[in-house]
Protein backbone atom coordinates (compact mmCIF):
# COMPACT_ATOMS: atom_id res chain seq x y z
CA MET A 1 25.82 200.47 135.55
CA LYS A 2 22.35 201.55 136.25
CA LEU A 3 19.70 199.01 135.36
CA LEU A 4 16.70 200.37 133.10
CA LYS A 5 13.39 200.38 134.88
CA PRO A 6 11.05 197.70 133.57
CA LEU A 7 8.73 200.11 131.78
CA THR A 8 11.37 202.07 130.19
CA LEU A 9 12.77 198.84 128.68
CA LEU A 10 9.18 197.87 127.50
CA PHE A 11 8.97 201.11 125.66
CA MET A 12 12.18 200.78 123.94
CA ILE A 13 11.42 197.30 122.84
CA LEU A 14 8.16 198.38 121.35
CA PHE A 15 9.92 201.28 119.50
CA ILE A 16 12.47 199.03 118.02
CA PHE A 17 9.78 196.52 117.05
CA SER A 18 7.62 199.40 115.47
CA CYS A 19 10.91 200.61 113.64
CA LYS A 20 11.53 197.32 112.20
CA GLN A 21 7.83 196.73 111.13
CA GLU A 22 7.90 199.98 109.45
CA LYS A 23 10.91 199.13 107.51
CA LYS A 24 9.32 195.79 106.39
CA THR A 25 6.53 197.23 105.08
CA ASP A 26 8.11 199.87 102.92
CA PRO A 27 7.95 198.61 99.31
CA LEU A 28 11.06 200.58 98.28
CA SER A 29 13.54 199.84 101.11
CA GLN A 30 12.35 196.01 101.32
CA SER A 31 14.00 193.64 99.05
CA THR A 32 11.54 191.55 97.24
CA LEU A 33 12.62 188.13 95.75
CA TYR A 34 10.53 186.62 92.94
CA TYR A 35 11.18 182.80 92.33
CA GLY A 36 9.34 179.74 91.24
CA GLY A 37 8.56 180.44 87.41
CA ASP A 38 10.11 181.10 84.14
CA ILE A 39 12.34 184.24 84.55
CA ILE A 40 13.42 185.22 81.02
CA THR A 41 16.04 187.57 81.30
CA MET A 42 16.18 188.75 77.61
CA ASN A 43 19.85 188.64 77.54
CA GLY A 44 21.72 187.40 74.49
CA ASP A 45 20.86 186.00 71.23
CA THR A 46 19.17 182.82 72.70
CA PRO A 47 16.68 182.62 75.64
CA GLN A 48 18.37 182.57 79.02
CA TYR A 49 16.51 181.86 82.35
CA ALA A 50 17.18 182.81 85.89
CA GLU A 51 15.87 181.02 89.00
CA ALA A 52 15.31 184.13 90.88
CA ILE A 53 15.30 187.94 90.80
CA VAL A 54 15.63 190.49 93.85
CA ILE A 55 14.61 194.22 93.49
CA LYS A 56 15.09 196.85 95.70
CA GLU A 57 14.68 200.55 95.76
CA GLY A 58 13.16 200.31 92.42
CA LYS A 59 16.07 198.48 90.78
CA ILE A 60 17.11 195.08 89.97
CA GLU A 61 19.59 194.05 92.76
CA PHE A 62 20.27 190.31 91.58
CA VAL A 63 19.64 187.94 88.92
CA GLY A 64 20.62 184.24 89.37
CA THR A 65 19.87 181.23 91.46
CA THR A 66 17.51 181.18 94.41
CA SER A 67 19.93 180.20 96.98
CA GLU A 68 22.34 183.29 96.10
CA ALA A 69 19.42 185.52 95.96
CA ILE A 70 18.39 184.71 99.52
CA SER A 71 21.86 185.06 100.56
CA ILE A 72 22.10 188.66 99.42
CA SER A 73 18.72 189.65 100.39
CA ASP A 74 18.41 192.02 103.57
CA GLU A 75 16.69 190.42 106.48
CA SER A 76 13.22 191.95 105.81
CA TYR A 77 13.08 190.49 102.17
CA GLN A 78 9.65 189.40 100.87
CA MET A 79 9.60 186.28 98.87
CA ILE A 80 7.05 186.13 96.17
CA ASN A 81 6.15 182.63 94.41
CA LEU A 82 5.49 182.97 90.59
CA ASN A 83 3.83 179.64 90.98
CA GLY A 84 5.09 178.70 87.49
CA LYS A 85 4.00 181.96 85.92
CA THR A 86 6.43 183.74 83.40
CA MET A 87 8.32 187.02 84.25
CA VAL A 88 9.98 189.17 81.58
CA PRO A 89 11.12 192.83 81.08
CA GLY A 90 8.46 195.50 81.21
CA PHE A 91 7.09 196.23 77.89
CA ILE A 92 7.95 199.10 75.56
CA ASP A 93 6.04 199.71 72.34
CA GLY A 94 7.99 200.70 69.39
CA HIS A 95 5.32 203.26 68.20
CA ALA A 96 1.95 204.05 69.61
CA HIS A 97 -0.05 207.28 70.69
CA PHE A 98 -0.44 207.15 74.39
CA ALA A 99 -2.34 210.26 74.71
CA SER A 100 -4.97 208.86 72.55
CA PHE A 101 -5.37 205.63 74.66
CA SER A 102 -7.89 207.40 76.71
CA ALA A 103 -10.31 207.84 73.84
CA GLN A 104 -10.08 204.27 72.88
CA ALA A 105 -10.71 203.14 76.30
CA ILE A 106 -13.80 205.52 76.78
CA GLY A 107 -15.37 206.26 73.46
CA ALA A 108 -18.08 203.97 71.97
CA GLN A 109 -16.53 200.81 71.09
CA ILE A 110 -16.82 200.57 67.47
CA LEU A 111 -13.89 198.46 66.65
CA PRO A 112 -14.47 195.31 64.48
CA PRO A 113 -14.49 191.92 65.95
CA PRO A 114 -12.81 190.25 67.75
CA ASP A 115 -12.35 193.35 69.85
CA ALA A 116 -15.91 194.81 69.89
CA GLY A 117 -18.65 194.11 67.45
CA ALA A 118 -19.25 196.70 64.60
CA LYS A 119 -19.16 194.41 61.65
CA ASN A 120 -21.80 196.42 59.64
CA ILE A 121 -23.14 200.10 59.63
CA THR A 122 -26.31 199.13 61.37
CA GLU A 123 -24.43 197.77 64.35
CA LEU A 124 -22.17 200.76 64.43
CA ILE A 125 -25.23 202.99 64.56
CA LYS A 126 -26.67 200.95 67.43
CA ILE A 127 -23.61 201.15 69.55
CA LEU A 128 -23.23 204.93 69.11
CA LYS A 129 -26.90 205.44 70.13
CA SER A 130 -26.45 203.20 73.17
CA TRP A 131 -23.13 205.38 73.98
CA ASN A 132 -25.21 208.60 73.64
CA THR A 133 -25.84 209.57 77.27
CA LYS A 134 -25.36 213.01 78.72
CA GLU A 135 -22.77 211.78 81.03
CA ASN A 136 -20.72 210.55 78.17
CA ARG A 137 -21.37 213.60 75.86
CA ASP A 138 -20.28 215.88 78.69
CA LEU A 139 -16.84 214.36 78.51
CA THR A 140 -16.00 216.55 75.23
CA GLY A 141 -19.29 217.80 74.07
CA TRP A 142 -19.39 215.32 71.21
CA ILE A 143 -20.49 211.76 70.67
CA PHE A 144 -17.32 209.87 69.50
CA GLY A 145 -16.18 206.35 68.79
CA MET A 146 -12.84 204.87 67.87
CA GLY A 147 -11.86 202.18 65.31
CA PHE A 148 -14.48 201.64 62.54
CA ASP A 149 -12.92 199.75 59.63
CA ASP A 150 -14.69 200.07 56.06
CA SER A 151 -12.63 196.81 54.99
CA ILE A 152 -14.23 194.83 57.83
CA LEU A 153 -17.81 196.33 57.46
CA GLU A 154 -20.20 194.27 55.55
CA GLU A 155 -20.97 197.30 53.32
CA LYS A 156 -17.26 197.69 52.44
CA ARG A 157 -17.68 201.59 52.52
CA PHE A 158 -17.24 204.36 54.96
CA PRO A 159 -20.11 205.51 56.84
CA THR A 160 -21.22 209.07 56.07
CA LYS A 161 -22.95 211.91 57.77
CA HIS A 162 -26.46 210.34 56.40
CA ASP A 163 -25.57 207.25 58.62
CA LEU A 164 -24.55 209.31 61.61
CA ASP A 165 -27.50 211.52 61.30
CA GLU A 166 -29.32 208.53 62.36
CA VAL A 167 -27.78 208.52 65.64
CA SER A 168 -28.47 212.31 66.20
CA LYS A 169 -29.11 215.53 64.38
CA GLU A 170 -29.03 217.33 67.55
CA PHE A 171 -25.65 216.60 68.95
CA PRO A 172 -22.34 216.69 66.94
CA ILE A 173 -20.78 213.05 66.25
CA MET A 174 -17.37 212.00 65.23
CA ILE A 175 -15.99 208.62 64.72
CA ILE A 176 -12.46 207.78 64.05
CA HIS A 177 -11.11 205.20 61.39
CA ILE A 178 -9.22 202.52 62.63
CA SER A 179 -6.01 203.72 60.93
CA GLY A 180 -6.30 207.18 62.56
CA HIS A 181 -6.25 208.97 59.34
CA PHE A 182 -9.82 209.53 58.76
CA ALA A 183 -12.89 210.92 60.59
CA VAL A 184 -16.47 210.84 59.74
CA VAL A 185 -18.74 213.43 61.21
CA ASN A 186 -22.54 214.05 61.06
CA SER A 187 -24.45 217.15 59.72
CA LYS A 188 -24.18 218.73 63.10
CA GLY A 189 -20.40 218.14 63.24
CA LEU A 190 -19.94 219.58 59.85
CA GLU A 191 -21.80 222.73 60.81
CA LEU A 192 -19.73 223.11 63.97
CA LEU A 193 -16.49 222.74 62.03
CA ASN A 194 -17.68 225.23 59.41
CA ILE A 195 -17.03 222.67 56.70
CA ASN A 196 -19.37 223.11 53.66
CA SER A 197 -19.43 223.28 49.94
CA GLU A 198 -17.21 226.30 49.73
CA THR A 199 -14.52 224.94 51.95
CA ASN A 200 -11.39 223.97 50.08
CA ASP A 201 -9.44 220.82 50.73
CA PRO A 202 -6.15 221.40 52.83
CA GLU A 203 -2.93 220.38 51.49
CA GLY A 204 -2.45 216.90 52.46
CA GLY A 205 -6.08 216.18 53.30
CA ILE A 206 -9.32 215.53 51.24
CA ILE A 207 -12.90 216.38 52.27
CA ARG A 208 -14.98 213.71 50.31
CA ARG A 209 -18.04 215.19 48.39
CA GLU A 210 -21.30 214.39 47.08
CA ASN A 211 -23.93 215.84 44.86
CA GLY A 212 -21.26 218.01 43.14
CA ASN A 213 -19.35 219.73 46.10
CA GLU A 214 -21.46 218.85 49.14
CA PRO A 215 -19.25 217.33 52.04
CA ASN A 216 -20.42 213.70 52.78
CA GLY A 217 -18.86 213.76 56.27
CA VAL A 218 -15.86 211.82 55.52
CA LEU A 219 -12.53 213.72 56.22
CA GLU A 220 -9.18 212.40 55.18
CA GLU A 221 -5.58 212.94 56.73
CA LEU A 222 -5.10 216.79 57.46
CA ALA A 223 -8.80 217.46 56.69
CA ALA A 224 -9.47 215.30 59.78
CA ILE A 225 -6.54 214.91 62.11
CA PRO A 226 -6.52 218.50 63.51
CA HIS A 227 -10.23 218.41 64.57
CA MET A 228 -9.76 215.11 66.09
CA LEU A 229 -7.07 216.27 68.47
CA LYS A 230 -9.54 219.40 69.34
CA ILE A 231 -12.71 217.47 69.64
CA LEU A 232 -11.37 214.50 71.72
CA ASN A 233 -10.10 217.09 74.24
CA PRO A 234 -11.89 216.73 77.67
CA THR A 235 -14.16 219.88 78.71
CA SER A 236 -13.57 219.80 82.35
CA LYS A 237 -10.96 218.54 84.94
CA VAL A 238 -13.15 215.78 85.91
CA ALA A 239 -13.59 214.71 82.49
CA ALA A 240 -9.67 214.85 81.90
CA ASP A 241 -9.03 212.86 85.01
CA ARG A 242 -11.32 210.13 83.61
CA PHE A 243 -9.76 210.08 80.36
CA PHE A 244 -6.42 210.14 81.77
CA GLU A 245 -6.92 207.32 84.22
CA ALA A 246 -8.87 205.20 81.73
CA GLY A 247 -6.05 205.42 79.18
CA GLN A 248 -3.12 204.75 81.66
CA ASP A 249 -5.12 201.84 83.25
CA MET A 250 -5.41 200.44 79.91
CA ALA A 251 -1.73 200.61 79.07
CA LEU A 252 -0.83 199.22 82.29
CA SER A 253 -3.21 196.29 81.86
CA TYR A 254 -1.21 195.24 78.77
CA GLY A 255 2.13 195.23 80.49
CA TYR A 256 3.32 198.72 79.55
CA THR A 257 6.03 200.16 81.57
CA THR A 258 7.04 202.65 78.84
CA ALA A 259 4.75 204.22 76.61
CA GLN A 260 5.35 206.16 73.41
CA GLU A 261 3.30 209.42 72.54
CA GLY A 262 4.13 208.87 68.74
CA ARG A 263 3.05 212.35 67.44
CA THR A 264 2.77 215.10 70.08
CA MET A 265 0.95 218.39 69.28
CA GLU A 266 -1.25 220.21 71.76
CA ASN A 267 -1.61 216.90 73.81
CA HIS A 268 1.99 217.80 75.36
CA GLU A 269 0.25 219.95 77.60
CA MET A 270 -1.83 217.15 79.06
CA LEU A 271 1.13 214.96 79.45
CA VAL A 272 3.02 217.76 81.28
CA SER A 273 -0.09 218.26 83.58
CA ALA A 274 -0.04 214.52 84.48
CA SER A 275 3.62 214.46 85.03
CA GLU A 276 3.81 217.65 87.39
CA ALA A 277 0.64 216.17 89.15
CA ARG A 278 2.44 212.97 89.47
CA LYS A 279 -0.01 210.90 87.99
CA LEU A 280 2.15 209.01 85.59
CA LYS A 281 2.53 205.44 86.71
CA LEU A 282 4.76 204.65 83.83
CA ASP A 283 7.31 206.42 81.49
CA VAL A 284 5.98 208.25 78.57
CA VAL A 285 8.40 209.63 75.94
CA SER A 286 6.95 212.05 73.41
CA TYR A 287 8.09 212.62 69.69
CA VAL A 288 6.77 216.33 68.78
CA ASP A 289 5.11 216.80 65.24
CA TYR A 290 7.33 219.01 63.19
CA LEU A 291 4.86 221.82 63.10
CA PHE A 292 5.29 222.14 66.94
CA VAL A 293 9.00 221.78 67.44
CA ASP A 294 9.57 225.62 67.76
CA LYS A 295 6.92 225.44 70.64
CA TYR A 296 8.14 222.49 72.54
CA MET A 297 11.45 221.32 71.73
CA ASN A 298 13.33 224.04 73.53
CA SER A 299 11.60 223.27 76.87
CA LYS A 300 13.14 221.47 79.85
CA TRP A 301 11.03 218.17 78.62
CA ASN A 302 13.32 217.72 75.72
CA SER A 303 15.87 215.19 77.50
CA LYS A 304 17.31 211.94 77.68
CA THR A 305 16.08 211.92 81.38
CA TYR A 306 12.56 211.47 82.73
CA SER A 307 11.06 214.24 85.03
CA ASN A 308 8.13 212.40 86.85
CA HIS A 309 8.00 209.75 84.25
CA TYR A 310 7.80 212.25 81.24
CA ARG A 311 10.18 213.34 78.50
CA ILE A 312 10.54 214.45 74.83
CA GLY A 313 12.58 212.05 72.90
CA GLY A 314 12.65 214.03 69.41
CA MET A 315 10.69 214.94 66.42
CA LYS A 316 7.88 213.06 64.41
CA LEU A 317 7.52 213.81 60.59
CA THR A 318 4.49 212.29 58.59
CA LEU A 319 4.99 211.67 54.79
CA ASP A 320 1.78 209.95 53.76
CA GLY A 321 -1.16 208.08 55.26
CA SER A 322 -2.87 204.79 55.70
CA PRO A 323 -2.07 201.73 53.47
CA GLN A 324 -5.50 200.11 54.62
CA GLY A 325 -7.27 203.52 54.20
CA ARG A 326 -5.38 203.67 50.75
CA THR A 327 -3.84 207.19 51.50
CA ALA A 328 -0.41 205.67 51.79
CA TRP A 329 1.73 206.98 48.74
CA ARG A 330 2.77 204.40 46.26
CA THR A 331 4.67 204.05 43.06
CA GLN A 332 2.26 201.58 41.64
CA PRO A 333 -1.40 202.29 41.45
CA TYR A 334 -3.85 200.71 43.82
CA LEU A 335 -6.02 197.67 42.33
CA ILE A 336 -9.01 198.98 44.15
CA ALA A 337 -9.10 202.72 44.47
CA PRO A 338 -11.18 204.57 47.07
CA ASP A 339 -14.70 206.07 46.19
CA GLY A 340 -14.21 209.05 44.05
CA ALA A 341 -10.53 208.33 42.79
CA LYS A 342 -9.32 208.50 39.38
CA GLU A 343 -7.80 205.55 37.61
CA GLY A 344 -4.35 205.14 38.32
CA TYR A 345 -4.65 206.31 41.94
CA LEU A 346 -1.45 206.11 43.97
CA GLY A 347 -2.42 207.67 47.03
CA TYR A 348 -0.83 211.06 48.01
CA PRO A 349 1.94 212.48 49.80
CA ALA A 350 1.42 214.44 53.13
CA ILE A 351 4.20 217.07 51.94
CA PRO A 352 4.27 217.18 48.41
CA ASN A 353 7.22 219.88 48.28
CA ASP A 354 10.67 217.92 48.56
CA SER A 355 12.30 221.00 49.39
CA LEU A 356 10.16 221.48 52.66
CA VAL A 357 10.86 217.93 53.63
CA ILE A 358 14.50 218.56 53.39
CA SER A 359 14.37 221.59 55.39
CA ILE A 360 12.37 219.67 58.13
CA TYR A 361 15.17 216.92 58.23
CA GLU A 362 18.06 219.48 58.25
CA LYS A 363 16.32 221.18 61.14
CA GLY A 364 16.21 217.79 62.96
CA PHE A 365 20.00 216.90 62.08
CA LYS A 366 21.16 220.43 63.11
CA ASN A 367 19.62 220.17 66.37
CA ASN A 368 20.80 216.62 66.85
CA TRP A 369 16.97 215.62 67.44
CA GLN A 370 16.10 211.70 67.02
CA ILE A 371 13.60 211.88 64.18
CA LEU A 372 10.68 209.28 63.87
CA THR A 373 9.17 209.34 60.10
CA HIS A 374 5.87 207.81 59.47
CA ALA A 375 6.05 206.51 55.88
CA ASN A 376 3.95 203.51 54.60
CA GLY A 377 3.86 203.66 50.71
CA ASP A 378 7.13 203.20 48.96
CA ALA A 379 6.88 206.61 47.31
CA ALA A 380 6.88 208.08 50.77
CA MET A 381 9.87 206.18 51.57
CA ASP A 382 11.80 207.32 48.31
CA GLN A 383 10.92 210.90 49.39
CA MET A 384 12.50 209.99 52.92
CA ILE A 385 15.56 208.49 51.56
CA ARG A 386 16.31 211.16 48.84
CA SER A 387 15.83 213.69 51.63
CA ILE A 388 17.84 212.37 54.31
CA GLU A 389 20.71 211.15 52.29
CA PRO A 390 22.19 214.69 51.59
CA ILE A 391 21.36 215.82 55.05
CA ALA A 392 23.17 213.06 56.71
CA SER A 393 26.19 213.39 54.63
CA LYS A 394 26.20 217.14 55.69
CA TYR A 395 25.77 216.70 59.44
CA GLY A 396 26.98 213.22 60.01
CA ASN A 397 24.82 210.27 61.15
CA THR A 398 26.48 208.78 64.12
CA ASN A 399 24.06 207.32 66.73
CA ARG A 400 21.10 209.19 65.79
CA ARG A 401 18.87 206.12 65.84
CA ASN A 402 16.31 207.97 63.39
CA VAL A 403 13.39 205.42 62.93
CA LEU A 404 11.15 204.48 60.04
CA ILE A 405 7.63 203.95 61.48
CA HIS A 406 5.34 201.47 59.74
CA GLY A 407 6.99 200.76 56.41
CA GLN A 408 4.10 198.57 55.18
CA TYR A 409 4.95 198.62 51.56
CA VAL A 410 8.79 199.15 51.83
CA ARG A 411 10.82 197.43 48.87
CA GLU A 412 14.05 195.44 49.41
CA ASP A 413 16.30 198.32 48.02
CA GLN A 414 14.70 200.51 50.36
CA LEU A 415 15.63 198.34 53.13
CA ASP A 416 19.20 198.44 52.05
CA SER A 417 19.10 202.20 51.82
CA PHE A 418 17.94 202.37 55.53
CA LYS A 419 20.63 200.05 56.33
CA LYS A 420 23.27 202.41 54.90
CA LEU A 421 21.47 205.32 56.71
CA ASP A 422 21.42 203.44 59.88
CA ILE A 423 17.67 204.03 60.36
CA ILE A 424 15.88 201.57 62.58
CA THR A 425 12.89 199.96 61.09
CA SER A 426 9.68 199.88 63.57
CA LEU A 427 7.34 197.59 61.47
CA PHE A 428 3.77 196.75 62.08
CA PRO A 429 3.10 193.18 61.57
CA LEU A 430 -0.28 193.36 63.40
CA HIS A 431 -1.32 194.30 59.77
CA THR A 432 -1.03 190.81 58.84
CA PHE A 433 -3.99 189.77 61.14
CA TYR A 434 -6.14 192.88 60.85
CA TRP A 435 -5.74 193.82 57.15
CA GLY A 436 -3.64 190.96 55.59
CA ASP A 437 -6.50 189.88 53.34
CA TRP A 438 -7.44 193.54 52.47
CA HIS A 439 -3.84 194.36 51.45
CA LYS A 440 -3.87 191.42 48.96
CA GLU A 441 -7.08 192.72 47.35
CA ILE A 442 -5.64 196.32 46.92
CA ILE A 443 -2.12 195.85 46.11
CA GLY A 444 -2.05 192.10 44.82
CA ASP A 445 -1.25 188.73 46.23
CA SER A 446 2.52 188.86 45.98
CA LEU A 447 3.04 192.23 47.24
CA GLY A 448 0.55 191.53 50.06
CA ASN A 449 2.75 188.90 51.35
CA LYS A 450 5.56 191.38 51.68
CA ILE A 451 4.00 193.82 54.03
CA SER A 452 5.87 194.34 57.45
CA PRO A 453 8.81 192.45 56.18
CA THR A 454 10.51 191.82 59.67
CA ARG A 455 12.69 188.63 58.67
CA THR A 456 13.86 190.29 55.76
CA ALA A 457 14.91 193.55 57.67
CA LEU A 458 16.66 191.48 60.13
CA ASN A 459 18.48 189.39 57.50
CA LYS A 460 19.96 192.61 56.02
CA GLY A 461 21.17 193.62 59.37
CA LEU A 462 18.80 196.22 60.20
CA LYS A 463 17.80 197.03 63.70
CA ILE A 464 14.10 196.58 64.09
CA THR A 465 11.15 196.97 66.64
CA ILE A 466 7.41 196.16 66.45
CA HIS A 467 4.61 198.22 67.47
CA THR A 468 0.66 198.68 67.84
CA ASP A 469 0.26 201.97 66.80
CA ALA A 470 -2.51 202.12 69.53
CA PRO A 471 -5.08 203.18 69.46
CA VAL A 472 -5.05 202.08 65.64
CA ALA A 473 -5.12 198.71 67.28
CA LEU A 474 -5.61 197.84 70.89
CA PRO A 475 -2.46 198.11 72.82
CA ASN A 476 -2.45 194.40 73.46
CA LEU A 477 1.43 193.64 73.21
CA MET A 478 1.01 190.04 73.54
CA ARG A 479 -1.29 189.92 70.74
CA MET A 480 1.42 191.83 68.68
CA VAL A 481 4.12 189.27 69.58
CA GLY A 482 1.51 186.21 68.57
CA ILE A 483 0.74 187.83 65.35
CA SER A 484 4.42 188.79 64.52
CA VAL A 485 5.24 185.00 64.90
CA GLU A 486 2.15 183.49 63.35
CA ARG A 487 1.34 186.08 60.69
CA LYS A 488 -2.22 184.73 60.14
CA SER A 489 -4.92 187.04 58.75
CA ARG A 490 -8.46 187.07 59.94
CA SER A 491 -9.31 184.43 57.53
CA GLY A 492 -6.63 182.24 58.86
CA LYS A 493 -4.31 182.68 55.92
CA ILE A 494 -0.62 183.18 56.45
CA ILE A 495 0.55 186.25 55.20
CA GLY A 496 4.00 186.17 54.13
CA ALA A 497 5.37 182.90 55.82
CA ASN A 498 9.03 183.84 55.11
CA GLU A 499 8.51 187.07 57.24
CA LYS A 500 7.86 185.22 60.55
CA LEU A 501 9.59 186.43 63.81
CA THR A 502 10.62 183.66 66.26
CA PRO A 503 8.78 184.14 69.77
CA TYR A 504 12.25 185.30 71.21
CA GLU A 505 12.69 187.79 68.59
CA ALA A 506 9.28 189.15 68.75
CA LEU A 507 9.66 189.47 72.64
CA LYS A 508 13.07 191.31 71.96
CA GLY A 509 10.94 193.82 69.61
CA ILE A 510 8.94 195.08 72.58
CA THR A 511 11.71 194.79 75.31
CA ILE A 512 15.56 195.24 74.73
CA TRP A 513 15.43 196.13 70.96
CA SER A 514 12.63 198.85 71.72
CA ALA A 515 14.55 200.13 74.74
CA TYR A 516 17.64 200.63 72.17
CA GLN A 517 15.42 202.70 69.97
CA HIS A 518 14.50 204.90 72.80
CA PHE A 519 18.04 205.26 74.02
CA GLU A 520 17.13 203.44 77.11
CA GLU A 521 18.96 200.19 76.71
CA LYS A 522 21.33 200.86 79.77
CA THR A 523 18.27 201.19 82.15
CA LYS A 524 15.56 198.92 80.44
CA GLY A 525 14.91 196.04 78.29
CA THR A 526 16.51 193.14 80.07
CA LEU A 527 16.69 191.78 83.57
CA GLU A 528 20.02 192.69 84.86
CA GLN A 529 21.54 194.04 87.86
CA GLY A 530 21.35 197.74 88.35
CA LYS A 531 18.50 198.26 85.66
CA LEU A 532 15.12 199.53 86.54
CA ALA A 533 12.66 196.89 88.08
CA ASP A 534 10.25 197.15 85.27
CA LEU A 535 8.55 193.74 85.30
CA VAL A 536 5.63 192.08 83.54
CA ILE A 537 4.14 188.64 84.97
CA LEU A 538 2.39 186.60 82.24
CA ASP A 539 0.22 183.54 82.57
CA MET A 540 1.93 181.48 80.01
CA ASN A 541 5.63 181.47 78.54
CA PRO A 542 5.52 182.72 74.92
CA LEU A 543 8.57 180.55 74.22
CA LYS A 544 6.91 177.42 75.41
CA VAL A 545 3.46 177.47 73.98
CA SER A 546 2.27 176.79 70.28
CA GLU A 547 2.42 179.82 68.05
CA GLU A 548 -1.56 180.24 68.11
CA LYS A 549 -1.73 180.45 71.88
CA ILE A 550 1.02 183.50 72.16
CA LYS A 551 -1.52 185.90 71.33
CA GLU A 552 -4.00 184.79 73.84
CA ILE A 553 -1.43 185.25 76.75
CA LYS A 554 -2.61 187.55 79.49
CA VAL A 555 -0.71 190.05 81.47
CA LEU A 556 -1.19 189.12 85.34
CA GLU A 557 0.87 191.93 86.87
CA THR A 558 2.71 195.10 85.66
CA ILE A 559 5.62 196.13 88.08
CA LYS A 560 7.02 199.68 87.51
CA GLU A 561 10.34 200.27 89.27
CA GLY A 562 9.52 197.68 92.11
CA VAL A 563 5.85 198.87 92.43
CA SER A 564 2.92 196.69 91.17
CA VAL A 565 0.71 199.24 89.22
CA TYR A 566 -1.57 196.65 87.84
CA LYS A 567 -2.83 193.26 88.80
CA LYS A 568 -5.33 191.12 86.99
């Protein structure tokens, strides 16, 4: 056998070494072994822990003991010590509006304390003035801010065009109510929107008036929402990129690995563009507003499978408004009616015509679309139930996984109906902190304690999830988990002690239960072999700290399919 020349042998050794080095640094081909912390698998009815987890090629390869994990790992595996921190499955919000995260991240921060600081209209005006720069205005052409809350403002009223005119009469201004169901615009904004004393209220919306019929700048429901979507639209590619990145970064910082766009309209185009440009670092599933289903539901995006992290999951129907804004449709009058409302005010339906609601549900059932229904007031849920019952009987109701969104004022008999109709209830216990005290004022102490009845729903055997409805609230999922357990209002009062979740149940609400809601329980929601390596590392274990500390837990790292997409 002829011996290799020394130089040739050296080149071969260097080549082999370089190949090994290349393999070792490839994050997808390399096994990564996490150990040394609390790894909560979220399997089973009681908490289960693992010593170690191995991920490879974007999936979970092993969950178990550290010694076994080492034995099955390839020779180039990387070991990461959690140093006592906690690992859980990636977070899946039961309902949110991902496409609007960007406006919350970029706009003037007029959320009430503790999130920002607009506790009165004077401070709100000051924040808007500070945000009013050419660079910011050029994003959409408007001065805008997200999250004012009349129930928290010291004046206990909505700002009007007169307040916003103090910021600017030259440039248009729009601020969005924390519920997402109202907007206030200044005089210049009303002019550009062509809203004046001769403009009629749209069906399902109200233009608030003063001095007879003159608009005062406050727009409710369908008088506001279509304008919001157009105005908060970036005016250039640079602005669009800044918007998208800010919103996505915010989601990742709170542990999202799957986000929902819970009312897709024209914003579908933005999400498609992000997907096709491979900009999405997390999965986004959209639910198309019923008015847009003919336009979007026949596209390739309507699928149980993601294409570059994006898909359409089904249809969205909105039947009423906001309980804290008092546009939720009730069977009993509000104790405190909004400005200008008549005695006995009940809120109002988004779609007064039952036959139209029935036809919308029939279209969804006929096409086998999953349907998400926004309903807050009990009258809206009565409309939902009486409309779905004959349609479900006609088309069958097997594994549709239709969802009630919010259900703040749901009655117990309605929960029984939802159980019979196999409807998942995605409830909103963040309300107990943000507006628990306010609910007790506007609907009474007894009913106020029954908002977001998570424990009652579970006891009745319903499948539930919990959600942030961001940007109504910040997409802070650990805050939501903590508040679902604690149920304390801003004033420190417990809002419905009998409706508390355990920490483990609350975590299930944003992991495996939410994965089930989205038809993704086979790939997400628990730490099991073969599932996607969607992981979150927390600074504390929510199952081991006191109730009041859970909402303060921070996300240290978010990992999507084995790739670190956020580090604190």
